[in-house]
Amino acid sequence: MGWGEGVVGLSRAFLASGAEGVVASLWPVADKSTAQLMNEFYEQMLVKRGPAGRSLNEARLALMNSPDYSHPYYWSAFVLSGLETSPW
C-alpha cells in the first residue's frame, strides 16, 4: 500500500466516525514546518473564521512565502477531505 492509499483509508475512517473534515499529509513531513502550517491553519479557521479549504490554502501560502519553508516539500503534502466549510 502506498502513502496515498493510507491517507484515503485513514481519512475515510475519521469521516465515517463523524468527523466533518480531515486534514492529512500525503507523505511524512517535518515537525517544525508542520507545526507552523497548523498554527497558521487554525489561526485562519478558528480566529478569522474562514472556511477550512481557504484556511489551509492561506497556511500553505504563508509557508510558501517563508524563507525557511518555501520548498513544496513543506506545504504541498497536506490535503483536506470532507467538508470544505468551517465547523460553524
PDB file of N, CA and C in Angstrom:
ATOM      1  N   MET A   1       0.847  -1.182   0.000  1.00  0.00           N
ATOM      2  CA  MET A   1       0.000   0.000   0.000  1.00  0.00           C
ATOM      3  C   MET A   1       0.888   1.239   0.000  1.00  0.00           C
ATOM      4  N   GLY A   2       0.583   2.222  -0.871  1.00  0.00           N
ATOM      5  CA  GLY A   2       1.338   3.465  -0.932  1.00  0.00           C
ATOM      6  C   GLY A   2       0.829   4.468   0.088  1.00  0.00           C
ATOM      7  N   TRP A   3       1.539   5.586   0.191  1.00  0.00           N
ATOM      8  CA  TRP A   3       1.148   6.614   1.158  1.00  0.00           C
ATOM      9  C   TRP A   3      -0.247   7.146   0.883  1.00  0.00           C
ATOM     10  N   GLY A   4      -0.570   7.408  -0.362  1.00  0.00           N
ATOM     11  CA  GLY A   4      -1.871   7.973  -0.704  1.00  0.00           C
ATOM     12  C   GLY A   4      -3.024   7.072  -0.316  1.00  0.00           C
ATOM     13  N   GLU A   5      -2.862   5.772  -0.479  1.00  0.00           N
ATOM     14  CA  GLU A   5      -3.923   4.838  -0.109  1.00  0.00           C
ATOM     15  C   GLU A   5      -4.165   4.861   1.390  1.00  0.00           C
ATOM     16  N   GLY A   6      -3.104   4.970   2.181  1.00  0.00           N
ATOM     17  CA  GLY A   6      -3.242   5.043   3.628  1.00  0.00           C
ATOM     18  C   GLY A   6      -3.982   6.290   4.061  1.00  0.00           C
ATOM     19  N   VAL A   7      -3.707   7.404   3.402  1.00  0.00           N
ATOM     20  CA  VAL A   7      -4.373   8.658   3.731  1.00  0.00           C
ATOM     21  C   VAL A   7      -5.860   8.555   3.435  1.00  0.00           C
ATOM     22  N   VAL A   8      -6.213   7.972   2.298  1.00  0.00           N
ATOM     23  CA  VAL A   8      -7.625   7.822   1.940  1.00  0.00           C
ATOM     24  C   VAL A   8      -8.329   6.938   2.956  1.00  0.00           C
ATOM     25  N   GLY A   9      -7.717   5.820   3.296  1.00  0.00           N
ATOM     26  CA  GLY A   9      -8.325   4.914   4.256  1.00  0.00           C
ATOM     27  C   GLY A   9      -8.479   5.533   5.629  1.00  0.00           C
ATOM     28  N   LEU A  10      -7.441   6.214   6.097  1.00  0.00           N
ATOM     29  CA  LEU A  10      -7.491   6.852   7.409  1.00  0.00           C
ATOM     30  C   LEU A  10      -8.507   7.996   7.415  1.00  0.00           C
ATOM     31  N   SER A  11      -8.502   8.812   6.382  1.00  0.00           N
ATOM     32  CA  SER A  11      -9.467   9.911   6.293  1.00  0.00           C
ATOM     33  C   SER A  11     -10.884   9.371   6.238  1.00  0.00           C
ATOM     34  N   ARG A  12     -11.088   8.333   5.451  1.00  0.00           N
ATOM     35  CA  ARG A  12     -12.410   7.724   5.336  1.00  0.00           C
ATOM     36  C   ARG A  12     -12.890   7.212   6.698  1.00  0.00           C
ATOM     37  N   ALA A  13     -11.993   6.633   7.471  1.00  0.00           N
ATOM     38  CA  ALA A  13     -12.360   6.127   8.798  1.00  0.00           C
ATOM     39  C   ALA A  13     -12.806   7.267   9.713  1.00  0.00           C
ATOM     40  N   PHE A  14     -12.082   8.370   9.705  1.00  0.00           N
ATOM     41  CA  PHE A  14     -12.483   9.519  10.520  1.00  0.00           C
ATOM     42  C   PHE A  14     -13.817  10.092  10.047  1.00  0.00           C
ATOM     43  N   LEU A  15     -14.004  10.212   8.742  1.00  0.00           N
ATOM     44  CA  LEU A  15     -15.253  10.746   8.203  1.00  0.00           C
ATOM     45  C   LEU A  15     -16.419   9.819   8.536  1.00  0.00           C
ATOM     46  N   ALA A  16     -16.208   8.516   8.441  1.00  0.00           N
ATOM     47  CA  ALA A  16     -17.263   7.554   8.779  1.00  0.00           C
ATOM     48  C   ALA A  16     -17.598   7.595  10.263  1.00  0.00           C
ATOM     49  N   SER A  17     -16.637   8.014  11.082  1.00  0.00           N
ATOM     50  CA  SER A  17     -16.867   8.087  12.530  1.00  0.00           C
ATOM     51  C   SER A  17     -17.526   9.398  12.949  1.00  0.00           C
ATOM     52  N   GLY A  18     -17.780  10.275  11.987  1.00  0.00           N
ATOM     53  CA  GLY A  18     -18.496  11.503  12.301  1.00  0.00           C
ATOM     54  C   GLY A  18     -17.714  12.791  12.138  1.00  0.00           C
ATOM     55  N   ALA A  19     -16.423  12.713  11.826  1.00  0.00           N
ATOM     56  CA  ALA A  19     -15.664  13.942  11.573  1.00  0.00           C
ATOM     57  C   ALA A  19     -16.200  14.593  10.306  1.00  0.00           C
ATOM     58  N   GLU A  20     -16.329  15.904  10.324  1.00  0.00           N
ATOM     59  CA  GLU A  20     -16.835  16.597   9.145  1.00  0.00           C
ATOM     60  C   GLU A  20     -15.742  16.876   8.126  1.00  0.00           C
ATOM     61  N   GLY A  21     -14.510  16.942   8.582  1.00  0.00           N
ATOM     62  CA  GLY A  21     -13.392  17.185   7.686  1.00  0.00           C
ATOM     63  C   GLY A  21     -12.107  16.676   8.300  1.00  0.00           C
ATOM     64  N   VAL A  22     -11.161  16.337   7.450  1.00  0.00           N
ATOM     65  CA  VAL A  22      -9.868  15.819   7.889  1.00  0.00           C
ATOM     66  C   VAL A  22      -8.776  16.479   7.063  1.00  0.00           C
ATOM     67  N   VAL A  23      -7.763  16.994   7.730  1.00  0.00           N
ATOM     68  CA  VAL A  23      -6.558  17.466   7.060  1.00  0.00           C
ATOM     69  C   VAL A  23      -5.497  16.408   7.310  1.00  0.00           C
ATOM     70  N   ALA A  24      -4.915  15.902   6.239  1.00  0.00           N
ATOM     71  CA  ALA A  24      -3.912  14.838   6.355  1.00  0.00           C
ATOM     72  C   ALA A  24      -2.765  15.131   5.398  1.00  0.00           C
ATOM     73  N   SER A  25      -1.619  14.515   5.686  1.00  0.00           N
ATOM     74  CA  SER A  25      -0.476  14.669   4.782  1.00  0.00           C
ATOM     75  C   SER A  25      -0.337  13.419   3.929  1.00  0.00           C
ATOM     76  N   LEU A  26       0.119  13.607   2.706  1.00  0.00           N
ATOM     77  CA  LEU A  26       0.278  12.509   1.765  1.00  0.00           C
ATOM     78  C   LEU A  26       1.611  11.787   1.920  1.00  0.00           C
ATOM     79  N   TRP A  27       2.556  12.377   2.631  1.00  0.00           N
ATOM     80  CA  TRP A  27       3.849  11.759   2.893  1.00  0.00           C
ATOM     81  C   TRP A  27       4.365  12.285   4.226  1.00  0.00           C
ATOM     82  N   PRO A  28       5.382  11.613   4.780  1.00  0.00           N
ATOM     83  CA  PRO A  28       5.956  12.092   6.043  1.00  0.00           C
ATOM     84  C   PRO A  28       6.469  13.522   5.884  1.00  0.00           C
ATOM     85  N   VAL A  29       6.227  14.334   6.889  1.00  0.00           N
ATOM     86  CA  VAL A  29       6.586  15.749   6.829  1.00  0.00           C
ATOM     87  C   VAL A  29       7.428  16.137   8.039  1.00  0.00           C
ATOM     88  N   ALA A  30       8.108  17.265   7.937  1.00  0.00           N
ATOM     89  CA  ALA A  30       8.961  17.765   9.017  1.00  0.00           C
ATOM     90  C   ALA A  30       8.110  18.366  10.136  1.00  0.00           C
ATOM     91  N   ASP A  31       8.537  18.133  11.377  1.00  0.00           N
ATOM     92  CA  ASP A  31       7.775  18.591  12.537  1.00  0.00           C
ATOM     93  C   ASP A  31       7.648  20.115  12.622  1.00  0.00           C
ATOM     94  N   LYS A  32       8.753  20.829  12.464  1.00  0.00           N
ATOM     95  CA  LYS A  32       8.733  22.285  12.655  1.00  0.00           C
ATOM     96  C   LYS A  32       7.877  22.986  11.602  1.00  0.00           C
ATOM     97  N   SER A  33       8.026  22.594  10.354  1.00  0.00           N
ATOM     98  CA  SER A  33       7.226  23.242   9.302  1.00  0.00           C
ATOM     99  C   SER A  33       5.749  22.871   9.440  1.00  0.00           C
ATOM    100  N   THR A  34       5.467  21.642   9.853  1.00  0.00           N
ATOM    101  CA  THR A  34       4.074  21.230  10.042  1.00  0.00           C
ATOM    102  C   THR A  34       3.448  22.000  11.200  1.00  0.00           C
ATOM    103  N   ALA A  35       4.196  22.197  12.273  1.00  0.00           N
ATOM    104  CA  ALA A  35       3.682  22.982  13.394  1.00  0.00           C
ATOM    105  C   ALA A  35       3.344  24.403  12.946  1.00  0.00           C
ATOM    106  N   GLN A  36       4.218  24.990  12.143  1.00  0.00           N
ATOM    107  CA  GLN A  36       3.954  26.344  11.644  1.00  0.00           C
ATOM    108  C   GLN A  36       2.725  26.357  10.734  1.00  0.00           C
ATOM    109  N   LEU A  37       2.624  25.376   9.848  1.00  0.00           N
ATOM    110  CA  LEU A  37       1.479  25.305   8.943  1.00  0.00           C
ATOM    111  C   LEU A  37       0.182  25.131   9.729  1.00  0.00           C
ATOM    112  N   MET A  38       0.166  24.246  10.715  1.00  0.00           N
ATOM    113  CA  MET A  38      -1.048  24.008  11.502  1.00  0.00           C
ATOM    114  C   MET A  38      -1.418  25.210  12.357  1.00  0.00           C
ATOM    115  N   ASN A  39      -0.418  25.896  12.905  1.00  0.00           N
ATOM    116  CA  ASN A  39      -0.721  27.123  13.654  1.00  0.00           C
ATOM    117  C   ASN A  39      -1.410  28.139  12.754  1.00  0.00           C
ATOM    118  N   GLU A  40      -0.889  28.302  11.561  1.00  0.00           N
ATOM    119  CA  GLU A  40      -1.491  29.246  10.609  1.00  0.00           C
ATOM    120  C   GLU A  40      -2.876  28.770  10.178  1.00  0.00           C
ATOM    121  N   PHE A  41      -3.017  27.486   9.930  1.00  0.00           N
ATOM    122  CA  PHE A  41      -4.311  26.920   9.527  1.00  0.00           C
ATOM    123  C   PHE A  41      -5.375  27.200  10.591  1.00  0.00           C
ATOM    124  N   TYR A  42      -5.077  26.895  11.848  1.00  0.00           N
ATOM    125  CA  TYR A  42      -6.065  27.117  12.905  1.00  0.00           C
ATOM    126  C   TYR A  42      -6.301  28.592  13.179  1.00  0.00           C
ATOM    127  N   GLU A  43      -5.285  29.407  13.011  1.00  0.00           N
ATOM    128  CA  GLU A  43      -5.466  30.865  13.135  1.00  0.00           C
ATOM    129  C   GLU A  43      -6.474  31.344  12.086  1.00  0.00           C
ATOM    130  N   GLN A  44      -6.278  30.898  10.854  1.00  0.00           N
ATOM    131  CA  GLN A  44      -7.177  31.302   9.766  1.00  0.00           C
ATOM    132  C   GLN A  44      -8.601  30.770   9.982  1.00  0.00           C
ATOM    133  N   MET A  45      -8.720  29.526  10.415  1.00  0.00           N
ATOM    134  CA  MET A  45     -10.031  28.893  10.511  1.00  0.00           C
ATOM    135  C   MET A  45     -10.771  29.274  11.787  1.00  0.00           C
ATOM    136  N   LEU A  46     -10.111  29.257  12.936  1.00  0.00           N
ATOM    137  CA  LEU A  46     -10.814  29.460  14.194  1.00  0.00           C
ATOM    138  C   LEU A  46     -10.842  30.911  14.643  1.00  0.00           C
ATOM    139  N   VAL A  47      -9.762  31.636  14.435  1.00  0.00           N
ATOM    140  CA  VAL A  47      -9.726  33.030  14.864  1.00  0.00           C
ATOM    141  C   VAL A  47     -10.361  33.930  13.805  1.00  0.00           C
ATOM    142  N   LYS A  48      -9.960  33.730  12.547  1.00  0.00           N
ATOM    143  CA  LYS A  48     -10.503  34.561  11.469  1.00  0.00           C
ATOM    144  C   LYS A  48     -11.774  33.974  10.867  1.00  0.00           C
ATOM    145  N   ARG A  49     -12.156  32.774  11.334  1.00  0.00           N
ATOM    146  CA  ARG A  49     -13.408  32.099  10.974  1.00  0.00           C
ATOM    147  C   ARG A  49     -13.568  31.881   9.468  1.00  0.00           C
ATOM    148  N   GLY A  50     -12.481  31.496   8.824  1.00  0.00           N
ATOM    149  CA  GLY A  50     -12.528  31.206   7.397  1.00  0.00           C
ATOM    150  C   GLY A  50     -12.902  29.761   7.136  1.00  0.00           C
ATOM    151  N   PRO A  51     -13.370  29.447   5.940  1.00  0.00           N
ATOM    152  CA  PRO A  51     -13.648  28.055   5.573  1.00  0.00           C
ATOM    153  C   PRO A  51     -12.367  27.223   5.640  1.00  0.00           C
ATOM    154  N   ALA A  52     -12.512  25.960   5.929  1.00  0.00           N
ATOM    155  CA  ALA A  52     -11.354  25.083   6.104  1.00  0.00           C
ATOM    156  C   ALA A  52     -10.461  25.056   4.868  1.00  0.00           C
ATOM    157  N   GLY A  53     -11.039  24.954   3.693  1.00  0.00           N
ATOM    158  CA  GLY A  53     -10.243  24.906   2.466  1.00  0.00           C
ATOM    159  C   GLY A  53      -9.438  26.167   2.249  1.00  0.00           C
ATOM    160  N   ARG A  54     -10.074  27.304   2.435  1.00  0.00           N
ATOM    161  CA  ARG A  54      -9.358  28.571   2.275  1.00  0.00           C
ATOM    162  C   ARG A  54      -8.302  28.736   3.370  1.00  0.00           C
ATOM    163  N   SER A  55      -8.629  28.292   4.575  1.00  0.00           N
ATOM    164  CA  SER A  55      -7.674  28.387   5.683  1.00  0.00           C
ATOM    165  C   SER A  55      -6.433  27.542   5.413  1.00  0.00           C
ATOM    166  N   LEU A  56      -6.630  26.356   4.870  1.00  0.00           N
ATOM    167  CA  LEU A  56      -5.486  25.511   4.523  1.00  0.00           C
ATOM    168  C   LEU A  56      -4.671  26.165   3.413  1.00  0.00           C
ATOM    169  N   ASN A  57      -5.337  26.747   2.439  1.00  0.00           N
ATOM    170  CA  ASN A  57      -4.624  27.438   1.364  1.00  0.00           C
ATOM    171  C   ASN A  57      -3.832  28.623   1.903  1.00  0.00           C
ATOM    172  N   GLU A  58      -4.413  29.395   2.814  1.00  0.00           N
ATOM    173  CA  GLU A  58      -3.696  30.529   3.409  1.00  0.00           C
ATOM    174  C   GLU A  58      -2.478  30.052   4.187  1.00  0.00           C
ATOM    175  N   ALA A  59      -2.617  28.924   4.874  1.00  0.00           N
ATOM    176  CA  ALA A  59      -1.491  28.366   5.617  1.00  0.00           C
ATOM    177  C   ALA A  59      -0.388  27.932   4.655  1.00  0.00           C
ATOM    178  N   ARG A  60      -0.773  27.309   3.562  1.00  0.00           N
ATOM    179  CA  ARG A  60       0.221  26.923   2.546  1.00  0.00           C
ATOM    180  C   ARG A  60       0.941  28.153   2.005  1.00  0.00           C
ATOM    181  N   LEU A  61       0.181  29.200   1.705  1.00  0.00           N
ATOM    182  CA  LEU A  61       0.783  30.432   1.188  1.00  0.00           C
ATOM    183  C   LEU A  61       1.754  31.043   2.192  1.00  0.00           C
ATOM    184  N   ALA A  62       1.419  30.982   3.469  1.00  0.00           N
ATOM    185  CA  ALA A  62       2.317  31.517   4.496  1.00  0.00           C
ATOM    186  C   ALA A  62       3.648  30.773   4.480  1.00  0.00           C
ATOM    187  N   LEU A  63       3.606  29.457   4.319  1.00  0.00           N
ATOM    188  CA  LEU A  63       4.853  28.695   4.252  1.00  0.00           C
ATOM    189  C   LEU A  63       5.591  28.961   2.950  1.00  0.00           C
ATOM    190  N   MET A  64       4.856  29.081   1.850  1.00  0.00           N
ATOM    191  CA  MET A  64       5.494  29.383   0.565  1.00  0.00           C
ATOM    192  C   MET A  64       6.287  30.673   0.638  1.00  0.00           C
ATOM    193  N   ASN A  65       5.776  31.622   1.400  1.00  0.00           N
ATOM    194  CA  ASN A  65       6.408  32.932   1.491  1.00  0.00           C
ATOM    195  C   ASN A  65       7.435  33.036   2.606  1.00  0.00           C
ATOM    196  N   SER A  66       7.642  31.954   3.350  1.00  0.00           N
ATOM    197  CA  SER A  66       8.642  31.988   4.416  1.00  0.00           C
ATOM    198  C   SER A  66      10.000  31.572   3.844  1.00  0.00           C
ATOM    199  N   PRO A  67      11.081  32.165   4.345  1.00  0.00           N
ATOM    200  CA  PRO A  67      12.405  31.817   3.812  1.00  0.00           C
ATOM    201  C   PRO A  67      12.819  30.378   4.134  1.00  0.00           C
ATOM    202  N   ASP A  68      12.336  29.838   5.232  1.00  0.00           N
ATOM    203  CA  ASP A  68      12.768  28.501   5.649  1.00  0.00           C
ATOM    204  C   ASP A  68      11.959  27.365   5.027  1.00  0.00           C
ATOM    205  N   TYR A  69      10.703  27.621   4.671  1.00  0.00           N
ATOM    206  CA  TYR A  69       9.818  26.537   4.260  1.00  0.00           C
ATOM    207  C   TYR A  69       9.149  26.776   2.911  1.00  0.00           C
ATOM    208  N   SER A  70       9.806  27.462   2.022  1.00  0.00           N
ATOM    209  CA  SER A  70       9.182  27.773   0.733  1.00  0.00           C
ATOM    210  C   SER A  70       9.160  26.574  -0.224  1.00  0.00           C
ATOM    211  N   HIS A  71      10.009  25.594  -0.006  1.00  0.00           N
ATOM    212  CA  HIS A  71      10.035  24.417  -0.881  1.00  0.00           C
ATOM    213  C   HIS A  71       8.714  23.651  -0.751  1.00  0.00           C
ATOM    214  N   PRO A  72       8.159  23.173  -1.864  1.00  0.00           N
ATOM    215  CA  PRO A  72       6.872  22.455  -1.821  1.00  0.00           C
ATOM    216  C   PRO A  72       6.839  21.250  -0.872  1.00  0.00           C
ATOM    217  N   TYR A  73       7.986  20.660  -0.579  1.00  0.00           N
ATOM    218  CA  TYR A  73       8.017  19.534   0.368  1.00  0.00           C
ATOM    219  C   TYR A  73       7.323  19.901   1.675  1.00  0.00           C
ATOM    220  N   TYR A  74       7.475  21.146   2.125  1.00  0.00           N
ATOM    221  CA  TYR A  74       6.980  21.550   3.438  1.00  0.00           C
ATOM    222  C   TYR A  74       5.484  21.842   3.471  1.00  0.00           C
ATOM    223  N   TRP A  75       4.881  22.215   2.365  1.00  0.00           N
ATOM    224  CA  TRP A  75       3.486  22.636   2.414  1.00  0.00           C
ATOM    225  C   TRP A  75       2.560  21.883   1.468  1.00  0.00           C
ATOM    226  N   SER A  76       3.078  21.208   0.453  1.00  0.00           N
ATOM    227  CA  SER A  76       2.191  20.607  -0.552  1.00  0.00           C
ATOM    228  C   SER A  76       1.661  19.228  -0.175  1.00  0.00           C
ATOM    229  N   ALA A  77       2.122  18.654   0.919  1.00  0.00           N
ATOM    230  CA  ALA A  77       1.683  17.308   1.311  1.00  0.00           C
ATOM    231  C   ALA A  77       0.275  17.296   1.887  1.00  0.00           C
ATOM    232  N   PHE A  78      -0.249  18.438   2.289  1.00  0.00           N
ATOM    233  CA  PHE A  78      -1.499  18.474   3.045  1.00  0.00           C
ATOM    234  C   PHE A  78      -2.729  18.594   2.160  1.00  0.00           C
ATOM    235  N   VAL A  79      -3.717  17.760   2.462  1.00  0.00           N
ATOM    236  CA  VAL A  79      -4.980  17.764   1.723  1.00  0.00           C
ATOM    237  C   VAL A  79      -6.141  17.784   2.707  1.00  0.00           C
ATOM    238  N   LEU A  80      -7.249  18.324   2.259  1.00  0.00           N
ATOM    239  CA  LEU A  80      -8.477  18.375   3.050  1.00  0.00           C
ATOM    240  C   LEU A  80      -9.481  17.414   2.444  1.00  0.00           C
ATOM    241  N   SER A  81     -10.046  16.561   3.285  1.00  0.00           N
ATOM    242  CA  SER A  81     -11.122  15.646   2.859  1.00  0.00           C
ATOM    243  C   SER A  81     -12.353  15.969   3.674  1.00  0.00           C
ATOM    244  N   GLY A  82     -13.509  15.842   3.067  1.00  0.00           N
ATOM    245  CA  GLY A  82     -14.753  16.122   3.784  1.00  0.00           C
ATOM    246  C   GLY A  82     -15.263  17.507   3.498  1.00  0.00           C
ATOM    247  N   LEU A  83     -15.883  18.115   4.501  1.00  0.00           N
ATOM    248  CA  LEU A  83     -16.466  19.442   4.336  1.00  0.00           C
ATOM    249  C   LEU A  83     -15.409  20.493   4.056  1.00  0.00           C
ATOM    250  N   GLU A  84     -15.729  21.382   3.166  1.00  0.00           N
ATOM    251  CA  GLU A  84     -14.848  22.486   2.820  1.00  0.00           C
ATOM    252  C   GLU A  84     -15.074  23.644   3.764  1.00  0.00           C
ATOM    253  N   THR A  85     -16.198  23.662   4.422  1.00  0.00           N
ATOM    254  CA  THR A  85     -16.554  24.812   5.249  1.00  0.00           C
ATOM    255  C   THR A  85     -15.990  24.704   6.657  1.00  0.00           C
ATOM    256  N   SER A  86     -16.088  25.793   7.385  1.00  0.00           N
ATOM    257  CA  SER A  86     -15.663  25.807   8.785  1.00  0.00           C
ATOM    258  C   SER A  86     -16.659  25.035   9.634  1.00  0.00           C
ATOM    259  N   PRO A  87     -16.250  24.685  10.836  1.00  0.00           N
ATOM    260  CA  PRO A  87     -17.143  23.881  11.676  1.00  0.00           C
ATOM    261  C   PRO A  87     -18.316  24.634  12.285  1.00  0.00           C
ATOM    262  N   TRP A  88     -18.571  25.857  11.913  1.00  0.00           N
ATOM    263  CA  TRP A  88     -19.705  26.591  12.477  1.00  0.00           C
ATOM    264  C   TRP A  88     -20.702  26.858  11.441  1.00  0.00           C
TER     265      TRP A  88
END
